[in-house]
């Protein structure tokens, strides 16, 4: 291919290779990572750490808000409550894990 090599190989079997870049700092290329040319790749926690928690709280509130609807039987209510309680447990677990990570950070 002219100028674009989709399969970039690391020299000497190294996991990552130095790739020429416009900035003066060297950039490491990991051939196992998805290509940046094909779109964004990363972690949700890095991208929006507080956003994921906010979305989980909002969707938990939406689950309980759906209890006020035109339900004929209580089966839907039981499912909404169980899923909402599961989301609350998930929120508490995430917060406890985050506090533990902050406490044990060197």
PDB file of N, CA and C in Angstrom:
ATOM      1  N   UNK A   1       0.846  -1.184   0.000  1.00  0.00           N
ATOM      2  CA  UNK A   1       0.000   0.000   0.000  1.00  0.00           C
ATOM      3  C   UNK A   1       0.880   1.231   0.000  1.00  0.00           C
ATOM      4  N   UNK A   2       0.386   2.269  -0.560  1.00  0.00           N
ATOM      5  CA  UNK A   2       1.196   3.477  -0.697  1.00  0.00           C
ATOM      6  C   UNK A   2       1.077   4.350   0.542  1.00  0.00           C
ATOM      7  N   UNK A   3       2.062   4.328   1.377  1.00  0.00           N
ATOM      8  CA  UNK A   3       2.126   5.216   2.521  1.00  0.00           C
ATOM      9  C   UNK A   3       1.344   4.757   3.743  1.00  0.00           C
ATOM     10  N   UNK A   4       0.383   3.884   3.591  1.00  0.00           N
ATOM     11  CA  UNK A   4      -0.403   3.425   4.735  1.00  0.00           C
ATOM     12  C   UNK A   4      -0.188   1.932   4.909  1.00  0.00           C
ATOM     13  N   UNK A   5       0.445   1.557   5.980  1.00  0.00           N
ATOM     14  CA  UNK A   5       0.665   0.153   6.260  1.00  0.00           C
ATOM     15  C   UNK A   5      -0.271  -0.237   7.393  1.00  0.00           C
ATOM     16  N   UNK A   6      -1.246  -1.092   7.115  1.00  0.00           N
ATOM     17  CA  UNK A   6      -2.216  -1.472   8.134  1.00  0.00           C
ATOM     18  C   UNK A   6      -1.634  -2.433   9.152  1.00  0.00           C
ATOM     19  N   UNK A   7      -0.638  -3.192   8.769  1.00  0.00           N
ATOM     20  CA  UNK A   7      -0.020  -4.135   9.682  1.00  0.00           C
ATOM     21  C   UNK A   7       1.373  -3.638  10.032  1.00  0.00           C
ATOM     22  N   UNK A   8       1.458  -2.847  11.085  1.00  0.00           N
ATOM     23  CA  UNK A   8       2.749  -2.323  11.514  1.00  0.00           C
ATOM     24  C   UNK A   8       3.406  -3.360  12.416  1.00  0.00           C
ATOM     25  N   UNK A   9       4.596  -3.739  12.090  1.00  0.00           N
ATOM     26  CA  UNK A   9       5.313  -4.762  12.842  1.00  0.00           C
ATOM     27  C   UNK A   9       6.367  -4.113  13.723  1.00  0.00           C
ATOM     28  N   UNK A  10       6.491  -4.629  14.930  1.00  0.00           N
ATOM     29  CA  UNK A  10       7.510  -4.145  15.845  1.00  0.00           C
ATOM     30  C   UNK A  10       8.838  -4.818  15.503  1.00  0.00           C
ATOM     31  N   UNK A  11       9.941  -4.057  15.538  1.00  0.00           N
ATOM     32  CA  UNK A  11      11.238  -4.660  15.235  1.00  0.00           C
ATOM     33  C   UNK A  11      11.714  -5.552  16.374  1.00  0.00           C
ATOM     34  N   UNK A  12      12.392  -6.623  16.044  1.00  0.00           N
ATOM     35  CA  UNK A  12      13.049  -7.520  16.999  1.00  0.00           C
ATOM     36  C   UNK A  12      12.066  -8.156  17.981  1.00  0.00           C
ATOM     37  N   UNK A  13      10.820  -8.345  17.621  1.00  0.00           N
ATOM     38  CA  UNK A  13       9.861  -9.036  18.475  1.00  0.00           C
ATOM     39  C   UNK A  13       9.426  -8.251  19.697  1.00  0.00           C
ATOM     40  N   UNK A  14       9.718  -6.957  19.740  1.00  0.00           N
ATOM     41  CA  UNK A  14       9.305  -6.122  20.866  1.00  0.00           C
ATOM     42  C   UNK A  14       7.795  -5.909  20.808  1.00  0.00           C
ATOM     43  N   UNK A  15       7.155  -5.753  21.988  1.00  0.00           N
ATOM     44  CA  UNK A  15       5.710  -5.544  22.016  1.00  0.00           C
ATOM     45  C   UNK A  15       5.314  -4.210  21.414  1.00  0.00           C
ATOM     46  N   UNK A  16       6.143  -3.232  21.592  1.00  0.00           N
ATOM     47  CA  UNK A  16       5.815  -1.912  21.067  1.00  0.00           C
ATOM     48  C   UNK A  16       7.028  -1.355  20.336  1.00  0.00           C
ATOM     49  N   UNK A  17       6.776  -0.452  19.441  1.00  0.00           N
ATOM     50  CA  UNK A  17       7.853   0.130  18.642  1.00  0.00           C
ATOM     51  C   UNK A  17       7.692   1.641  18.622  1.00  0.00           C
ATOM     52  N   UNK A  18       8.819   2.346  18.480  1.00  0.00           N
ATOM     53  CA  UNK A  18       8.764   3.791  18.345  1.00  0.00           C
ATOM     54  C   UNK A  18       8.244   4.137  16.957  1.00  0.00           C
ATOM     55  N   UNK A  19       7.305   5.043  16.910  1.00  0.00           N
ATOM     56  CA  UNK A  19       6.702   5.449  15.647  1.00  0.00           C
ATOM     57  C   UNK A  19       6.995   6.922  15.455  1.00  0.00           C
ATOM     58  N   UNK A  20       7.420   7.341  14.261  1.00  0.00           N
ATOM     59  CA  UNK A  20       7.665   8.767  14.037  1.00  0.00           C
ATOM     60  C   UNK A  20       6.381   9.570  14.229  1.00  0.00           C
ATOM     61  N   UNK A  21       6.518  10.705  14.862  1.00  0.00           N
ATOM     62  CA  UNK A  21       5.353  11.518  15.208  1.00  0.00           C
ATOM     63  C   UNK A  21       5.730  12.977  15.028  1.00  0.00           C
ATOM     64  N   UNK A  22       4.746  13.843  14.893  1.00  0.00           N
ATOM     65  CA  UNK A  22       5.036  15.258  14.669  1.00  0.00           C
ATOM     66  C   UNK A  22       5.549  15.955  15.923  1.00  0.00           C
ATOM     67  N   UNK A  23       5.258  15.435  17.095  1.00  0.00           N
ATOM     68  CA  UNK A  23       5.745  16.064  18.319  1.00  0.00           C
ATOM     69  C   UNK A  23       7.162  15.568  18.613  1.00  0.00           C
ATOM     70  N   UNK A  24       7.930  16.333  19.386  1.00  0.00           N
ATOM     71  CA  UNK A  24       9.306  15.922  19.669  1.00  0.00           C
ATOM     72  C   UNK A  24       9.391  14.713  20.605  1.00  0.00           C
ATOM     73  N   UNK A  25       8.340  14.441  21.372  1.00  0.00           N
ATOM     74  CA  UNK A  25       8.376  13.311  22.295  1.00  0.00           C
ATOM     75  C   UNK A  25       8.156  12.008  21.522  1.00  0.00           C
ATOM     76  N   UNK A  26       8.886  10.950  21.880  1.00  0.00           N
ATOM     77  CA  UNK A  26       8.680   9.671  21.185  1.00  0.00           C
ATOM     78  C   UNK A  26       7.318   9.073  21.543  1.00  0.00           C
ATOM     79  N   UNK A  27       6.706   8.429  20.579  1.00  0.00           N
ATOM     80  CA  UNK A  27       5.402   7.807  20.767  1.00  0.00           C
ATOM     81  C   UNK A  27       5.577   6.310  20.603  1.00  0.00           C
ATOM     82  N   UNK A  28       5.032   5.533  21.552  1.00  0.00           N
ATOM     83  CA  UNK A  28       5.133   4.082  21.474  1.00  0.00           C
ATOM     84  C   UNK A  28       3.917   3.535  20.740  1.00  0.00           C
ATOM     85  N   UNK A  29       4.128   2.567  19.917  1.00  0.00           N
ATOM     86  CA  UNK A  29       3.041   1.932  19.177  1.00  0.00           C
ATOM     87  C   UNK A  29       2.902   0.495  19.656  1.00  0.00           C
ATOM     88  N   UNK A  30       1.712   0.131  20.083  1.00  0.00           N
ATOM     89  CA  UNK A  30       1.431  -1.224  20.518  1.00  0.00           C
ATOM     90  C   UNK A  30       0.649  -1.922  19.411  1.00  0.00           C
ATOM     91  N   UNK A  31       1.216  -2.919  18.763  1.00  0.00           N
ATOM     92  CA  UNK A  31       0.515  -3.562  17.646  1.00  0.00           C
ATOM     93  C   UNK A  31      -0.711  -4.356  18.080  1.00  0.00           C
ATOM     94  N   UNK A  32      -0.825  -4.688  19.365  1.00  0.00           N
ATOM     95  CA  UNK A  32      -1.992  -5.435  19.834  1.00  0.00           C
ATOM     96  C   UNK A  32      -3.195  -4.536  20.083  1.00  0.00           C
ATOM     97  N   UNK A  33      -2.962  -3.232  20.227  1.00  0.00           N
ATOM     98  CA  UNK A  33      -4.063  -2.302  20.477  1.00  0.00           C
ATOM     99  C   UNK A  33      -4.775  -1.984  19.166  1.00  0.00           C
ATOM    100  N   UNK A  34      -6.068  -1.701  19.246  1.00  0.00           N
ATOM    101  CA  UNK A  34      -6.770  -1.312  18.017  1.00  0.00           C
ATOM    102  C   UNK A  34      -6.182  -0.023  17.457  1.00  0.00           C
ATOM    103  N   UNK A  35      -6.238   0.125  16.177  1.00  0.00           N
ATOM    104  CA  UNK A  35      -5.647   1.280  15.519  1.00  0.00           C
ATOM    105  C   UNK A  35      -6.439   2.543  15.821  1.00  0.00           C
ATOM    106  N   UNK A  36      -5.732   3.627  16.109  1.00  0.00           N
ATOM    107  CA  UNK A  36      -6.394   4.907  16.331  1.00  0.00           C
ATOM    108  C   UNK A  36      -7.009   5.430  15.046  1.00  0.00           C
ATOM    109  N   UNK A  37      -6.487   4.962  13.920  1.00  0.00           N
ATOM    110  CA  UNK A  37      -7.036   5.397  12.643  1.00  0.00           C
ATOM    111  C   UNK A  37      -8.454   4.877  12.436  1.00  0.00           C
ATOM    112  N   UNK A  38      -8.829   3.839  13.152  1.00  0.00           N
ATOM    113  CA  UNK A  38     -10.143   3.218  12.981  1.00  0.00           C
ATOM    114  C   UNK A  38     -11.141   3.747  13.997  1.00  0.00           C
ATOM    115  N   UNK A  39     -10.781   4.709  14.802  1.00  0.00           N
ATOM    116  CA  UNK A  39     -11.715   5.297  15.752  1.00  0.00           C
ATOM    117  C   UNK A  39     -11.155   5.331  17.157  1.00  0.00           C
ATOM    118  N   UNK A  40     -11.959   5.849  18.065  1.00  0.00           N
ATOM    119  CA  UNK A  40     -11.538   5.996  19.447  1.00  0.00           C
ATOM    120  C   UNK A  40     -11.477   4.632  20.108  1.00  0.00           C
ATOM    121  N   UNK A  41     -10.432   4.421  20.888  1.00  0.00           N
ATOM    122  CA  UNK A  41     -10.366   3.229  21.717  1.00  0.00           C
ATOM    123  C   UNK A  41      -9.768   3.659  23.047  1.00  0.00           C
ATOM    124  N   UNK A  42     -10.372   3.210  24.089  1.00  0.00           N
ATOM    125  CA  UNK A  42      -9.919   3.572  25.413  1.00  0.00           C
ATOM    126  C   UNK A  42     -10.847   2.975  26.448  1.00  0.00           C
ATOM    127  N   UNK A  43     -10.760   3.478  27.641  1.00  0.00           N
ATOM    128  CA  UNK A  43     -11.594   2.978  28.717  1.00  0.00           C
ATOM    129  C   UNK A  43     -12.607   4.040  29.098  1.00  0.00           C
ATOM    130  N   UNK A  44     -13.792   3.595  29.438  1.00  0.00           N
ATOM    131  CA  UNK A  44     -14.842   4.510  29.853  1.00  0.00           C
ATOM    132  C   UNK A  44     -14.424   5.248  31.120  1.00  0.00           C
ATOM    133  N   UNK A  45     -13.719   4.581  32.024  1.00  0.00           N
ATOM    134  CA  UNK A  45     -13.307   5.222  33.278  1.00  0.00           C
ATOM    135  C   UNK A  45     -12.348   6.375  33.020  1.00  0.00           C
ATOM    136  N   UNK A  46     -11.487   6.228  32.030  1.00  0.00           N
ATOM    137  CA  UNK A  46     -10.548   7.296  31.692  1.00  0.00           C
ATOM    138  C   UNK A  46     -11.283   8.424  30.982  1.00  0.00           C
ATOM    139  N   UNK A  47     -12.213   8.054  30.110  1.00  0.00           N
ATOM    140  CA  UNK A  47     -12.927   9.038  29.300  1.00  0.00           C
ATOM    141  C   UNK A  47     -13.891   9.869  30.145  1.00  0.00           C
ATOM    142  N   UNK A  48     -14.664   9.223  30.978  1.00  0.00           N
ATOM    143  CA  UNK A  48     -15.673   9.929  31.773  1.00  0.00           C
ATOM    144  C   UNK A  48     -15.855   9.211  33.103  1.00  0.00           C
ATOM    145  N   UNK A  49     -14.939   9.451  34.019  1.00  0.00           N
ATOM    146  CA  UNK A  49     -14.980   8.742  35.293  1.00  0.00           C
ATOM    147  C   UNK A  49     -16.239   9.068  36.089  1.00  0.00           C
ATOM    148  N   UNK A  50     -16.583  10.339  36.185  1.00  0.00           N
ATOM    149  CA  UNK A  50     -17.776  10.724  36.941  1.00  0.00           C
ATOM    150  C   UNK A  50     -19.039  10.559  36.112  1.00  0.00           C
ATOM    151  N   UNK A  51     -18.900  10.580  34.807  1.00  0.00           N
ATOM    152  CA  UNK A  51     -20.066  10.448  33.939  1.00  0.00           C
ATOM    153  C   UNK A  51     -20.717   9.087  34.044  1.00  0.00           C
ATOM    154  N   UNK A  52     -19.919   8.033  34.200  1.00  0.00           N
ATOM    155  CA  UNK A  52     -20.495   6.698  34.299  1.00  0.00           C
ATOM    156  C   UNK A  52     -21.282   6.541  35.593  1.00  0.00           C
ATOM    157  N   UNK A  53     -20.783   7.120  36.671  1.00  0.00           N
ATOM    158  CA  UNK A  53     -21.507   7.051  37.943  1.00  0.00           C
ATOM    159  C   UNK A  53     -22.795   7.860  37.856  1.00  0.00           C
ATOM    160  N   UNK A  54     -22.736   9.017  37.235  1.00  0.00           N
ATOM    161  CA  UNK A  54     -23.924   9.858  37.082  1.00  0.00           C
ATOM    162  C   UNK A  54     -24.981   9.153  36.246  1.00  0.00           C
ATOM    163  N   UNK A  55     -24.563   8.523  35.154  1.00  0.00           N
ATOM    164  CA  UNK A  55     -25.516   7.789  34.320  1.00  0.00           C
ATOM    165  C   UNK A  55     -26.147   6.632  35.075  1.00  0.00           C
ATOM    166  N   UNK A  56     -25.371   5.941  35.892  1.00  0.00           N
ATOM    167  CA  UNK A  56     -25.917   4.829  36.663  1.00  0.00           C
ATOM    168  C   UNK A  56     -26.947   5.320  37.676  1.00  0.00           C
ATOM    169  N   UNK A  57     -26.682   6.453  38.321  1.00  0.00           N
ATOM    170  CA  UNK A  57     -27.653   7.024  39.262  1.00  0.00           C
ATOM    171  C   UNK A  57     -28.920   7.440  38.524  1.00  0.00           C
ATOM    172  N   UNK A  58     -28.767   8.091  37.376  1.00  0.00           N
ATOM    173  CA  UNK A  58     -29.937   8.549  36.608  1.00  0.00           C
ATOM    174  C   UNK A  58     -30.784   7.361  36.169  1.00  0.00           C
ATOM    175  N   UNK A  59     -30.151   6.324  35.633  1.00  0.00           N
ATOM    176  CA  UNK A  59     -30.917   5.165  35.170  1.00  0.00           C
ATOM    177  C   UNK A  59     -31.547   4.403  36.333  1.00  0.00           C
ATOM    178  N   UNK A  60     -30.912   4.417  37.504  1.00  0.00           N
ATOM    179  CA  UNK A  60     -31.530   3.802  38.677  1.00  0.00           C
ATOM    180  C   UNK A  60     -32.791   4.561  39.060  1.00  0.00           C
ATOM    181  N   UNK A  61     -32.721   5.889  39.046  1.00  0.00           N
ATOM    182  CA  UNK A  61     -33.912   6.686  39.346  1.00  0.00           C
ATOM    183  C   UNK A  61     -35.004   6.466  38.301  1.00  0.00           C
ATOM    184  N   UNK A  62     -34.613   6.306  37.049  1.00  0.00           N
ATOM    185  CA  UNK A  62     -35.593   6.046  35.987  1.00  0.00           C
ATOM    186  C   UNK A  62     -36.277   4.706  36.217  1.00  0.00           C
ATOM    187  N   UNK A  63     -35.532   3.704  36.675  1.00  0.00           N
ATOM    188  CA  UNK A  63     -36.146   2.399  36.946  1.00  0.00           C
ATOM    189  C   UNK A  63     -37.246   2.520  37.991  1.00  0.00           C
ATOM    190  N   UNK A  64     -36.993   3.302  39.045  1.00  0.00           N
ATOM    191  CA  UNK A  64     -38.016   3.460  40.079  1.00  0.00           C
ATOM    192  C   UNK A  64     -39.124   4.410  39.635  1.00  0.00           C
ATOM    193  N   UNK A  65     -38.822   5.344  38.751  1.00  0.00           N
ATOM    194  CA  UNK A  65     -39.867   6.237  38.231  1.00  0.00           C
ATOM    195  C   UNK A  65     -40.839   5.479  37.339  1.00  0.00           C
ATOM    196  N   UNK A  66     -40.375   4.409  36.709  1.00  0.00           N
ATOM    197  CA  UNK A  66     -41.265   3.622  35.857  1.00  0.00           C
ATOM    198  C   UNK A  66     -42.290   2.828  36.653  1.00  0.00           C
ATOM    199  N   UNK A  67     -42.176   2.820  37.976  1.00  0.00           N
ATOM    200  CA  UNK A  67     -43.196   2.163  38.799  1.00  0.00           C
ATOM    201  C   UNK A  67     -44.534   2.879  38.689  1.00  0.00           C
ATOM    202  N   UNK A  68     -44.486   4.182  38.397  1.00  0.00           N
ATOM    203  CA  UNK A  68     -45.713   4.970  38.260  1.00  0.00           C
ATOM    204  C   UNK A  68     -46.139   4.946  36.799  1.00  0.00           C
ATOM    205  N   UNK A  69     -46.782   3.886  36.420  1.00  0.00           N
ATOM    206  CA  UNK A  69     -47.218   3.736  35.040  1.00  0.00           C
ATOM    207  C   UNK A  69     -48.567   3.050  34.986  1.00  0.00           C
ATOM    208  N   UNK A  70     -48.957   2.645  33.813  1.00  0.00           N
ATOM    209  CA  UNK A  70     -50.251   2.005  33.641  1.00  0.00           C
ATOM    210  C   UNK A  70     -50.094   0.491  33.662  1.00  0.00           C
ATOM    211  N   UNK A  71     -49.597  -0.049  34.773  1.00  0.00           N
ATOM    212  CA  UNK A  71     -49.393  -1.486  34.920  1.00  0.00           C
ATOM    213  C   UNK A  71     -50.701  -2.146  35.322  1.00  0.00           C
ATOM    214  N   UNK A  72     -50.971  -3.282  34.720  1.00  0.00           N
ATOM    215  CA  UNK A  72     -52.175  -4.035  35.064  1.00  0.00           C
ATOM    216  C   UNK A  72     -51.866  -4.982  36.213  1.00  0.00           C
ATOM    217  N   UNK A  73     -50.741  -5.654  36.136  1.00  0.00           N
ATOM    218  CA  UNK A  73     -50.366  -6.582  37.201  1.00  0.00           C
ATOM    219  C   UNK A  73     -49.118  -6.068  37.910  1.00  0.00           C
ATOM    220  N   UNK A  74     -48.712  -6.797  38.920  1.00  0.00           N
ATOM    221  CA  UNK A  74     -47.544  -6.386  39.704  1.00  0.00           C
ATOM    222  C   UNK A  74     -46.247  -7.042  39.227  1.00  0.00           C
ATOM    223  N   UNK A  75     -46.301  -7.870  38.198  1.00  0.00           N
ATOM    224  CA  UNK A  75     -45.090  -8.542  37.724  1.00  0.00           C
ATOM    225  C   UNK A  75     -44.078  -7.515  37.223  1.00  0.00           C
ATOM    226  N   UNK A  76     -44.559  -6.517  36.483  1.00  0.00           N
ATOM    227  CA  UNK A  76     -43.656  -5.479  35.979  1.00  0.00           C
ATOM    228  C   UNK A  76     -43.012  -4.712  37.130  1.00  0.00           C
ATOM    229  N   UNK A  77     -43.806  -4.446  38.158  1.00  0.00           N
ATOM    230  CA  UNK A  77     -43.276  -3.724  39.319  1.00  0.00           C
ATOM    231  C   UNK A  77     -42.170  -4.521  40.010  1.00  0.00           C
ATOM    232  N   UNK A  78     -42.372  -5.823  40.146  1.00  0.00           N
ATOM    233  CA  UNK A  78     -41.351  -6.643  40.782  1.00  0.00           C
ATOM    234  C   UNK A  78     -40.053  -6.613  39.977  1.00  0.00           C
ATOM    235  N   UNK A  79     -40.151  -6.720  38.660  1.00  0.00           N
ATOM    236  CA  UNK A  79     -38.958  -6.672  37.827  1.00  0.00           C
ATOM    237  C   UNK A  79     -38.258  -5.323  37.941  1.00  0.00           C
ATOM    238  N   UNK A  80     -39.017  -4.243  37.910  1.00  0.00           N
ATOM    239  CA  UNK A  80     -38.412  -2.913  38.021  1.00  0.00           C
ATOM    240  C   UNK A  80     -37.712  -2.733  39.365  1.00  0.00           C
ATOM    241  N   UNK A  81     -38.350  -3.194  40.433  1.00  0.00           N
ATOM    242  CA  UNK A  81     -37.752  -3.060  41.766  1.00  0.00           C
ATOM    243  C   UNK A  81     -36.488  -3.908  41.869  1.00  0.00           C
ATOM    244  N   UNK A  82     -36.535  -5.149  41.377  1.00  0.00           N
ATOM    245  CA  UNK A  82     -35.350  -6.011  41.456  1.00  0.00           C
ATOM    246  C   UNK A  82     -34.185  -5.448  40.642  1.00  0.00           C
ATOM    247  N   UNK A  83     -34.464  -4.970  39.454  1.00  0.00           N
ATOM    248  CA  UNK A  83     -33.390  -4.392  38.635  1.00  0.00           C
ATOM    249  C   UNK A  83     -32.866  -3.109  39.275  1.00  0.00           C
ATOM    250  N   UNK A  84     -33.759  -2.281  39.813  1.00  0.00           N
ATOM    251  CA  UNK A  84     -33.341  -1.057  40.495  1.00  0.00           C
ATOM    252  C   UNK A  84     -32.491  -1.350  41.721  1.00  0.00           C
ATOM    253  N   UNK A  85     -32.879  -2.364  42.503  1.00  0.00           N
ATOM    254  CA  UNK A  85     -32.079  -2.742  43.670  1.00  0.00           C
ATOM    255  C   UNK A  85     -30.712  -3.287  43.244  1.00  0.00           C
ATOM    256  N   UNK A  86     -30.681  -4.034  42.148  1.00  0.00           N
ATOM    257  CA  UNK A  86     -29.400  -4.510  41.624  1.00  0.00           C
ATOM    258  C   UNK A  86     -28.497  -3.356  41.219  1.00  0.00           C
ATOM    259  N   UNK A  87     -29.090  -2.324  40.641  1.00  0.00           N
ATOM    260  CA  UNK A  87     -28.299  -1.154  40.252  1.00  0.00           C
ATOM    261  C   UNK A  87     -27.797  -0.398  41.481  1.00  0.00           C
ATOM    262  N   UNK A  88     -28.595  -0.361  42.538  1.00  0.00           N
ATOM    263  CA  UNK A  88     -28.149   0.288  43.782  1.00  0.00           C
ATOM    264  C   UNK A  88     -26.984  -0.490  44.386  1.00  0.00           C
ATOM    265  N   UNK A  89     -27.083  -1.824  44.382  1.00  0.00           N
ATOM    266  CA  UNK A  89     -25.974  -2.646  44.885  1.00  0.00           C
ATOM    267  C   UNK A  89     -24.722  -2.385  44.058  1.00  0.00           C
ATOM    268  N   UNK A  90     -24.889  -2.267  42.744  1.00  0.00           N
ATOM    269  CA  UNK A  90     -23.762  -1.973  41.861  1.00  0.00           C
ATOM    270  C   UNK A  90     -23.144  -0.623  42.209  1.00  0.00           C
ATOM    271  N   UNK A  91     -23.974   0.396  42.467  1.00  0.00           N
ATOM    272  CA  UNK A  91     -23.463   1.722  42.849  1.00  0.00           C
ATOM    273  C   UNK A  91     -22.671   1.658  44.149  1.00  0.00           C
ATOM    274  N   UNK A  92     -23.220   0.969  45.151  1.00  0.00           N
ATOM    275  CA  UNK A  92     -22.541   0.873  46.448  1.00  0.00           C
ATOM    276  C   UNK A  92     -21.223   0.121  46.294  1.00  0.00           C
ATOM    277  N   UNK A  93     -21.227  -0.958  45.502  1.00  0.00           N
ATOM    278  CA  UNK A  93     -20.006  -1.734  45.296  1.00  0.00           C
ATOM    279  C   UNK A  93     -18.942  -0.896  44.598  1.00  0.00           C
ATOM    280  N   UNK A  94     -19.344  -0.133  43.575  1.00  0.00           N
ATOM    281  CA  UNK A  94     -18.384   0.723  42.859  1.00  0.00           C
ATOM    282  C   UNK A  94     -17.788   1.781  43.781  1.00  0.00           C
ATOM    283  N   UNK A  95     -18.634   2.391  44.611  1.00  0.00           N
ATOM    284  CA  UNK A  95     -18.146   3.427  45.521  1.00  0.00           C
ATOM    285  C   UNK A  95     -17.199   2.838  46.561  1.00  0.00           C
ATOM    286  N   UNK A  96     -17.535   1.658  47.093  1.00  0.00           N
ATOM    287  CA  UNK A  96     -16.655   1.011  48.070  1.00  0.00           C
ATOM    288  C   UNK A  96     -15.322   0.634  47.430  1.00  0.00           C
ATOM    289  N   UNK A  97     -15.351   0.142  46.207  1.00  0.00           N
ATOM    290  CA  UNK A  97     -14.107  -0.213  45.517  1.00  0.00           C
ATOM    291  C   UNK A  97     -13.268   1.032  45.235  1.00  0.00           C
ATOM    292  N   UNK A  98     -13.912   2.135  44.870  1.00  0.00           N
ATOM    293  CA  UNK A  98     -13.177   3.376  44.604  1.00  0.00           C
ATOM    294  C   UNK A  98     -12.540   3.910  45.884  1.00  0.00           C
ATOM    295  N   UNK A  99     -13.272   3.849  46.984  1.00  0.00           N
ATOM    296  CA  UNK A  99     -12.696   4.306  48.260  1.00  0.00           C
ATOM    297  C   UNK A  99     -11.535   3.423  48.679  1.00  0.00           C
ATOM    298  N   UNK A 100     -11.670   2.120  48.451  1.00  0.00           N
ATOM    299  CA  UNK A 100     -10.581   1.205  48.793  1.00  0.00           C
ATOM    300  C   UNK A 100      -9.341   1.502  47.945  1.00  0.00           C
ATOM    301  N   UNK A 101      -9.532   1.772  46.658  1.00  0.00           N
ATOM    302  CA  UNK A 101      -8.393   2.107  45.790  1.00  0.00           C
ATOM    303  C   UNK A 101      -7.730   3.409  46.236  1.00  0.00           C
ATOM    304  N   UNK A 102      -8.549   4.405  46.626  1.00  0.00           N
ATOM    305  CA  UNK A 102      -7.969   5.678  47.078  1.00  0.00           C
ATOM    306  C   UNK A 102      -7.215   5.505  48.389  1.00  0.00           C
ATOM    307  N   UNK A 103      -7.730   4.641  49.269  1.00  0.00           N
ATOM    308  CA  UNK A 103      -7.099   4.436  50.562  1.00  0.00           C
ATOM    309  C   UNK A 103      -5.787   3.674  50.442  1.00  0.00           C
ATOM    310  N   UNK A 104      -5.728   2.719  49.523  1.00  0.00           N
ATOM    311  CA  UNK A 104      -4.530   1.888  49.416  1.00  0.00           C
ATOM    312  C   UNK A 104      -3.539   2.400  48.388  1.00  0.00           C
ATOM    313  N   UNK A 105      -3.827   3.541  47.785  1.00  0.00           N
ATOM    314  CA  UNK A 105      -2.905   4.104  46.795  1.00  0.00           C
ATOM    315  C   UNK A 105      -1.614   4.525  47.489  1.00  0.00           C
ATOM    316  N   UNK A 106      -0.468   4.208  46.892  1.00  0.00           N
ATOM    317  CA  UNK A 106       0.804   4.572  47.540  1.00  0.00           C
ATOM    318  C   UNK A 106       1.064   6.050  47.527  1.00  0.00           C
TER     319      UNK A 106
END
